[in-house]
Amino acid sequence: MVDTDRKPETTPPWAGRRLSAATVLSALLLGMLSLIEASGEQGDGLVHLTTCGSELTDVVAVLDADLDCSQWPTSPAVALVRSTLLLQGHTLRGNPDIFSSDAIECAEECTVEGPGVITGAMYGVDRRFSATNKKQRTTVRNVTLVDNLWGGVRGDSVLVEDCTIKDGQSIISVTGGPKSVVRRSTLINSGRVHSRKGRVSDLTIIGGNMSTSVIGIETRKVERTVITDYPGIAIINFRKLQVKDSSISWTEDFVPYDAPIGTVLSSGILGFRGIKLQRVAVRGAQYYGVLSFRRPVLVDSIVVDSCQDPLSNLGSNFCADIISVKRPRLKRSVCGSSAEVDTGQPWGVCTNDR
């Protein structure tokens, strides 16, 4: 005969008992303390980052002091998964001696907020592949990225704003996918900004690193940007290129990159599928000011004083402020000289064309 009054074996041993309020409260406090200890929280709802090799998931983390990971043996120093890191004015240092070592890696969506410094890594902030295969987006704001050997920020889609990226042997300062935006930032002696379909605005670029990158900006749209003494091609795009309210120039103090004949000399703007300039000034290029493999269009712009280097013919017999496949279209604009790509014959649209 089956005992129907017997409780199932799954019934907890305390079933039917009355627990005191003190017992319940103690259990809850122990559970909360164990969670806080595991996450690094300190009662303020934030995770306090104190150790190299940390992986932070779905949290807001803060750096309360400089964190030196220059001896950390693996990459990255910090991993962010759907998280935000607040640098709070401190410095995060990576390990440049490990191949492809990153200071921060970002999976899915993450944000790094300054003020603060990220330095001494291969990449300052890099993408991290996620098991969920979700689209990756990185935001870096108000951060100084200095002496990161391969680049400042790299991601599938990046937003970089109010940052300074400088020095190091950077191949790429910022690289991202088609929706990437780089704005209100300064690049000093660094690599290129690369996003062929992205947008760049309000940048200041001073100098560059010709030994690793001959391109300053590779994107489709540039606005309100000032480029000075760039040793390679200042702006390039393989699709349609639009530049507005910007200037490119070389000062008297500019020292050309010491390279053999045939190497790219400092030049202004190169477009493979058409160029439109609005309120743009290009002055003093070693080689061309504008080179277009379609018809360049200039509105309220000026391109002058190119061909400063005696080797600017680069194996051909001509140089000019504007070199193009089709006759340039100028509206309230000035250029010193022009030339057809193949023959070097002037288009008759610039001041010194004959």
Protein backbone atom coordinates (compact mmCIF):
# COMPACT_ATOMS: atom_id res chain seq x y z
CA MET A 1 0.00 0.00 0.00
CA VAL A 2 1.35 3.40 -1.00
CA ASP A 3 1.71 6.02 1.72
CA THR A 4 -0.03 9.00 0.11
CA ASP A 5 0.87 11.26 3.05
CA ARG A 6 4.60 10.94 2.42
CA LYS A 7 6.17 14.05 0.89
CA PRO A 8 8.00 13.65 -2.49
CA GLU A 9 11.75 13.25 -2.28
CA THR A 10 12.19 16.58 -4.04
CA THR A 11 10.72 18.42 -1.10
CA PRO A 12 13.46 20.45 0.67
CA PRO A 13 14.32 19.19 4.14
CA TRP A 14 13.16 22.46 5.66
CA ALA A 15 9.71 22.18 4.07
CA GLY A 16 7.02 22.72 6.62
CA ARG A 17 9.40 24.45 9.00
CA ARG A 18 9.06 28.03 10.08
CA LEU A 19 12.34 29.96 9.58
CA SER A 20 13.11 32.92 11.78
CA ALA A 21 13.46 36.38 10.26
CA ALA A 22 17.09 36.49 11.40
CA THR A 23 17.88 33.25 9.53
CA VAL A 24 16.32 34.53 6.30
CA LEU A 25 18.11 37.89 6.56
CA SER A 26 21.47 36.20 7.19
CA ALA A 27 21.04 34.00 4.12
CA LEU A 28 20.18 36.98 1.95
CA LEU A 29 23.17 38.99 3.19
CA LEU A 30 25.55 36.09 2.58
CA GLY A 31 24.24 35.75 -0.98
CA MET A 32 24.65 39.46 -1.66
CA LEU A 33 28.16 39.52 -0.24
CA SER A 34 29.21 36.60 -2.42
CA LEU A 35 27.88 38.38 -5.52
CA ILE A 36 29.70 41.60 -4.62
CA GLU A 37 32.96 39.74 -4.03
CA ALA A 38 32.67 37.92 -7.37
CA SER A 39 31.99 41.09 -9.39
CA GLY A 40 34.37 43.47 -7.67
CA GLU A 41 31.55 45.81 -6.69
CA GLN A 42 31.99 47.97 -3.63
CA GLY A 43 28.46 48.99 -2.78
CA ASP A 44 28.22 51.79 -5.38
CA GLY A 45 26.90 49.61 -8.21
CA LEU A 46 30.21 49.86 -10.09
CA VAL A 47 32.91 47.30 -10.75
CA HIS A 48 36.30 48.63 -9.65
CA LEU A 49 38.97 47.47 -12.08
CA THR A 50 42.16 46.61 -10.22
CA THR A 51 43.74 43.59 -11.98
CA CYS A 52 45.12 42.84 -15.43
CA GLY A 53 43.38 40.10 -17.42
CA SER A 54 39.89 41.08 -16.20
CA GLU A 55 36.87 40.20 -18.33
CA LEU A 56 33.91 42.48 -17.62
CA THR A 57 30.43 41.54 -18.84
CA ASP A 58 27.28 43.69 -18.66
CA VAL A 59 28.75 46.13 -16.14
CA VAL A 60 29.94 49.68 -15.69
CA ALA A 61 33.55 49.56 -14.49
CA VAL A 62 35.83 52.28 -13.17
CA LEU A 63 39.60 52.65 -12.99
CA ASP A 64 40.47 54.14 -9.59
CA ALA A 65 44.24 54.21 -10.15
CA ASP A 66 46.77 53.69 -12.94
CA LEU A 67 46.88 50.04 -14.05
CA ASP A 68 50.22 48.80 -15.43
CA CYS A 69 49.83 45.60 -17.47
CA SER A 70 53.18 45.91 -19.25
CA GLN A 71 54.25 42.55 -17.76
CA TRP A 72 50.91 40.80 -18.26
CA PRO A 73 51.72 37.68 -20.32
CA THR A 74 48.52 37.39 -22.38
CA SER A 75 46.21 39.60 -24.43
CA PRO A 76 44.15 41.61 -23.70
CA ALA A 77 44.86 43.52 -20.52
CA VAL A 78 41.10 44.11 -20.17
CA ALA A 79 38.14 42.57 -22.04
CA LEU A 80 34.78 44.36 -22.23
CA VAL A 81 31.59 42.51 -23.21
CA ARG A 82 28.58 44.81 -23.48
CA SER A 83 30.23 47.01 -20.86
CA THR A 84 31.50 50.52 -20.16
CA LEU A 85 34.89 51.42 -18.70
CA LEU A 86 35.41 54.84 -17.06
CA LEU A 87 39.11 55.73 -16.94
CA GLN A 88 38.59 58.63 -14.50
CA GLY A 89 41.84 60.39 -15.46
CA HIS A 90 44.05 57.31 -15.02
CA THR A 91 46.39 55.40 -17.35
CA LEU A 92 46.00 51.83 -18.63
CA ARG A 93 49.29 50.44 -19.93
CA GLY A 94 49.48 47.37 -22.17
CA ASN A 95 52.29 45.00 -23.09
CA PRO A 96 53.86 45.75 -26.51
CA ASP A 97 56.15 42.71 -26.34
CA ILE A 98 53.32 40.22 -26.92
CA PHE A 99 52.33 39.74 -30.56
CA SER A 100 48.93 41.35 -31.19
CA SER A 101 48.57 42.40 -27.55
CA ASP A 102 45.69 44.81 -26.92
CA ALA A 103 45.11 47.07 -23.94
CA ILE A 104 41.32 46.70 -24.30
CA GLU A 105 39.24 44.32 -26.40
CA CYS A 106 35.56 44.99 -27.03
CA ALA A 107 32.93 42.33 -27.76
CA GLU A 108 29.49 43.22 -29.12
CA GLU A 109 29.01 46.77 -27.79
CA CYS A 110 31.26 48.65 -25.39
CA THR A 111 32.31 52.15 -24.39
CA VAL A 112 35.58 53.55 -23.08
CA GLU A 113 35.16 56.98 -21.47
CA GLY A 114 37.90 59.39 -20.46
CA PRO A 115 39.55 61.46 -19.47
CA GLY A 116 42.43 59.04 -19.32
CA VAL A 117 45.32 57.47 -21.22
CA ILE A 118 45.73 54.13 -23.00
CA THR A 119 49.32 53.38 -23.94
CA GLY A 120 52.01 50.81 -24.58
CA ALA A 121 49.95 48.15 -26.42
CA MET A 122 49.75 46.92 -29.99
CA TYR A 123 46.18 48.29 -30.26
CA GLY A 124 44.76 50.65 -27.67
CA VAL A 125 41.15 49.47 -28.16
CA ASP A 126 40.52 46.51 -30.45
CA ARG A 127 37.54 44.36 -31.47
CA ARG A 128 36.93 40.99 -29.88
CA PHE A 129 35.03 38.26 -31.67
CA SER A 130 31.89 37.18 -29.83
CA ALA A 131 30.40 33.69 -29.63
CA THR A 132 26.97 35.24 -30.25
CA ASN A 133 28.19 36.64 -33.58
CA LYS A 134 26.41 39.92 -32.88
CA LYS A 135 27.48 43.12 -34.59
CA GLN A 136 30.33 44.81 -32.79
CA ARG A 137 30.36 48.53 -31.98
CA THR A 138 33.00 50.44 -30.06
CA THR A 139 32.73 53.96 -28.64
CA VAL A 140 35.86 55.73 -27.41
CA ARG A 141 35.39 59.21 -26.01
CA ASN A 142 37.76 61.81 -24.52
CA VAL A 143 40.73 59.42 -24.34
CA THR A 144 44.42 59.97 -25.16
CA LEU A 145 45.88 57.00 -27.04
CA VAL A 146 49.65 57.29 -27.21
CA ASP A 147 52.49 54.97 -28.26
CA ASN A 148 50.25 52.08 -29.28
CA LEU A 149 52.34 50.40 -31.94
CA TRP A 150 49.73 49.18 -34.43
CA GLY A 151 46.88 51.56 -33.85
CA GLY A 152 44.64 53.52 -31.54
CA VAL A 153 41.15 52.10 -32.15
CA ARG A 154 39.97 49.21 -34.35
CA GLY A 155 36.45 47.82 -34.64
CA ASP A 156 33.68 46.71 -36.99
CA SER A 157 31.87 49.96 -36.29
CA VAL A 158 33.50 52.69 -34.25
CA LEU A 159 32.61 56.09 -32.83
CA VAL A 160 35.71 58.04 -31.81
CA GLU A 161 35.22 61.56 -30.52
CA ASP A 162 37.16 64.13 -28.51
CA CYS A 163 40.25 61.93 -28.52
CA THR A 164 43.97 62.50 -29.05
CA ILE A 165 46.01 59.83 -30.84
CA LYS A 166 49.72 60.36 -31.15
CA ASP A 167 53.20 58.96 -31.69
CA GLY A 168 54.19 55.31 -31.93
CA GLN A 169 54.61 53.37 -35.16
CA SER A 170 50.87 53.34 -35.76
CA ILE A 171 49.75 51.74 -39.02
CA ILE A 172 46.18 52.83 -38.35
CA SER A 173 44.99 55.43 -35.87
CA VAL A 174 41.32 54.55 -36.24
CA THR A 175 39.71 51.91 -38.44
CA GLY A 176 36.09 50.88 -38.64
CA GLY A 177 33.27 49.68 -40.88
CA PRO A 178 30.85 51.64 -43.07
CA LYS A 179 28.96 53.33 -40.22
CA SER A 180 32.04 54.51 -38.37
CA VAL A 181 32.39 58.13 -37.28
CA VAL A 182 35.51 59.98 -36.17
CA ARG A 183 35.09 63.56 -34.98
CA ARG A 184 36.49 66.34 -32.80
CA SER A 185 39.84 64.60 -32.40
CA THR A 186 43.55 65.28 -32.88
CA LEU A 187 46.13 63.00 -34.51
CA ILE A 188 49.81 63.79 -34.07
CA ASN A 189 52.53 61.86 -35.93
CA SER A 190 50.23 58.88 -36.13
CA GLY A 191 48.74 56.54 -38.74
CA ARG A 192 45.63 56.85 -40.85
CA VAL A 193 41.90 57.13 -40.23
CA HIS A 194 40.28 54.37 -42.26
CA SER A 195 36.59 53.89 -42.98
CA ARG A 196 35.83 53.91 -46.69
CA LYS A 197 32.13 54.70 -46.25
CA GLY A 198 32.37 56.47 -42.90
CA ARG A 199 32.42 60.11 -41.89
CA VAL A 200 35.22 62.26 -40.52
CA SER A 201 34.72 65.75 -39.13
CA ASP A 202 36.43 68.37 -36.99
CA LEU A 203 39.82 66.65 -36.99
CA THR A 204 43.26 68.17 -36.59
CA ILE A 205 46.04 66.08 -38.13
CA ILE A 206 49.63 67.17 -37.61
CA GLY A 207 52.38 65.19 -39.32
CA GLY A 208 52.13 61.46 -39.81
CA ASN A 209 54.01 58.20 -39.85
CA MET A 210 55.17 57.63 -43.41
CA SER A 211 57.15 54.50 -42.49
CA THR A 212 53.93 52.56 -41.89
CA SER A 213 51.12 54.46 -43.61
CA VAL A 214 51.16 56.71 -46.68
CA ILE A 215 47.50 57.71 -46.19
CA GLY A 216 46.11 60.28 -43.76
CA ILE A 217 42.34 59.77 -44.14
CA GLU A 218 40.56 57.10 -46.19
CA THR A 219 36.84 57.73 -46.16
CA ARG A 220 33.98 59.07 -48.29
CA LYS A 221 33.17 62.30 -46.46
CA VAL A 222 35.46 64.77 -44.67
CA GLU A 223 34.26 67.99 -43.04
CA ARG A 224 35.89 70.81 -41.06
CA THR A 225 39.28 69.12 -40.91
CA VAL A 226 42.74 70.70 -40.84
CA ILE A 227 45.74 68.65 -42.03
CA THR A 228 49.25 70.04 -41.69
CA ASP A 229 52.59 68.59 -42.88
CA TYR A 230 51.26 65.12 -43.69
CA PRO A 231 54.12 63.15 -45.32
CA GLY A 232 51.94 61.01 -47.62
CA ILE A 233 48.55 61.38 -49.33
CA ALA A 234 46.39 63.46 -47.00
CA ILE A 235 42.93 62.23 -48.12
CA ILE A 236 41.98 59.32 -50.37
CA ASN A 237 38.91 57.29 -51.29
CA PHE A 238 38.24 54.60 -53.85
CA ARG A 239 34.62 55.67 -54.22
CA LYS A 240 33.09 59.14 -54.51
CA LEU A 241 34.82 61.58 -52.22
CA GLN A 242 33.39 64.77 -50.73
CA VAL A 243 35.46 67.26 -48.73
CA LYS A 244 33.99 70.40 -47.15
CA ASP A 245 35.31 73.32 -45.12
CA SER A 246 38.79 71.87 -44.75
CA SER A 247 42.43 72.69 -45.42
CA ILE A 248 45.59 70.78 -46.28
CA SER A 249 48.95 72.53 -46.17
CA TRP A 250 52.68 72.09 -45.70
CA THR A 251 54.66 74.61 -43.67
CA GLU A 252 58.21 75.87 -44.18
CA ASP A 253 59.33 73.60 -41.34
CA PHE A 254 58.07 70.46 -43.06
CA VAL A 255 60.79 67.85 -43.56
CA PRO A 256 59.92 65.49 -46.44
CA TYR A 257 60.09 61.77 -45.86
CA ASP A 258 63.54 60.55 -46.97
CA ALA A 259 62.54 57.90 -49.49
CA PRO A 260 63.87 56.57 -52.80
CA ILE A 261 62.60 57.80 -56.16
CA GLY A 262 59.19 56.33 -56.92
CA THR A 263 57.89 56.50 -53.35
CA VAL A 264 54.68 58.47 -52.78
CA LEU A 265 55.42 62.11 -52.00
CA SER A 266 53.26 64.34 -49.85
CA SER A 267 50.10 65.12 -51.80
CA GLY A 268 46.63 66.52 -51.21
CA ILE A 269 43.54 64.62 -52.30
CA LEU A 270 43.20 61.46 -54.41
CA GLY A 271 39.82 60.20 -55.64
CA PHE A 272 39.15 57.25 -57.92
CA ARG A 273 35.44 57.87 -58.58
CA GLY A 274 35.16 61.60 -58.52
CA ILE A 275 35.99 64.40 -56.10
CA LYS A 276 33.86 67.31 -54.94
CA LEU A 277 35.51 70.07 -52.91
CA GLN A 278 33.52 72.82 -51.21
CA ARG A 279 35.39 75.61 -49.42
CA VAL A 280 38.63 73.63 -49.36
CA ALA A 281 42.22 74.92 -49.54
CA VAL A 282 45.21 72.79 -50.60
CA ARG A 283 48.57 74.55 -50.52
CA GLY A 284 52.21 73.55 -50.93
CA ALA A 285 52.10 69.83 -51.77
CA GLN A 286 55.33 68.14 -52.79
CA TYR A 287 53.47 66.48 -55.64
CA TYR A 288 49.86 67.11 -56.77
CA GLY A 289 47.19 69.04 -54.92
CA VAL A 290 44.27 67.04 -56.38
CA LEU A 291 44.36 63.86 -58.46
CA SER A 292 41.06 62.55 -59.82
CA PHE A 293 40.32 59.63 -62.12
CA ARG A 294 36.99 61.21 -62.98
CA ARG A 295 36.00 64.90 -63.19
CA PRO A 296 36.94 66.92 -60.08
CA VAL A 297 34.49 69.61 -59.00
CA LEU A 298 35.74 72.60 -56.98
CA VAL A 299 33.37 75.13 -55.39
CA ASP A 300 34.77 78.15 -53.53
CA SER A 301 38.10 76.34 -53.23
CA ILE A 302 41.80 76.94 -53.89
CA VAL A 303 44.56 74.52 -54.93
CA VAL A 304 47.96 76.19 -55.40
CA ASP A 305 51.73 75.93 -54.92
CA SER A 306 52.00 72.20 -55.57
CA CYS A 307 55.01 70.40 -57.11
CA GLN A 308 57.41 71.62 -54.43
CA ASP A 309 59.67 68.56 -54.63
CA PRO A 310 62.15 68.37 -57.53
CA LEU A 311 61.31 64.66 -57.88
CA SER A 312 57.59 65.35 -58.16
CA ASN A 313 57.41 64.09 -61.75
CA LEU A 314 57.70 60.56 -60.33
CA GLY A 315 58.91 59.16 -63.63
CA SER A 316 56.58 61.24 -65.82
CA ASN A 317 57.36 64.63 -67.30
CA PHE A 318 54.76 66.78 -65.56
CA CYS A 319 53.24 67.87 -62.28
CA ALA A 320 50.30 70.14 -61.51
CA ASP A 321 47.99 71.42 -58.83
CA ILE A 322 45.12 69.45 -60.38
CA ILE A 323 45.67 66.27 -62.40
CA SER A 324 42.57 64.56 -63.77
CA VAL A 325 41.10 62.29 -66.43
CA LYS A 326 38.35 64.77 -67.30
CA ARG A 327 38.38 68.56 -67.47
CA PRO A 328 37.98 70.02 -63.94
CA ARG A 329 34.84 71.96 -63.17
CA LEU A 330 35.56 75.15 -61.19
CA LYS A 331 33.01 77.45 -59.57
CA ARG A 332 34.45 80.52 -57.84
CA SER A 333 37.68 78.58 -57.37
CA VAL A 334 41.39 79.11 -58.05
CA CYS A 335 44.14 76.72 -59.10
CA GLY A 336 47.69 77.35 -60.24
CA SER A 337 48.02 74.64 -62.90
CA SER A 338 46.21 71.61 -64.29
CA ALA A 339 47.14 68.57 -66.37
CA GLU A 340 45.50 65.62 -68.11
CA VAL A 341 46.53 62.32 -66.50
CA ASP A 342 48.07 60.61 -69.54
CA THR A 343 49.49 63.45 -71.63
CA GLY A 344 50.24 66.17 -69.08
CA GLN A 345 48.50 68.71 -71.29
CA PRO A 346 46.89 71.60 -69.36
CA TRP A 347 43.09 71.82 -69.23
CA GLY A 348 43.12 75.61 -69.59
CA VAL A 349 41.18 76.21 -66.37
CA CYS A 350 43.96 77.35 -63.99
CA THR A 351 45.94 80.57 -63.73
CA ASN A 352 49.17 79.27 -65.23
CA ASP A 353 47.72 76.93 -67.85
CA ARG A 354 48.97 77.67 -71.36
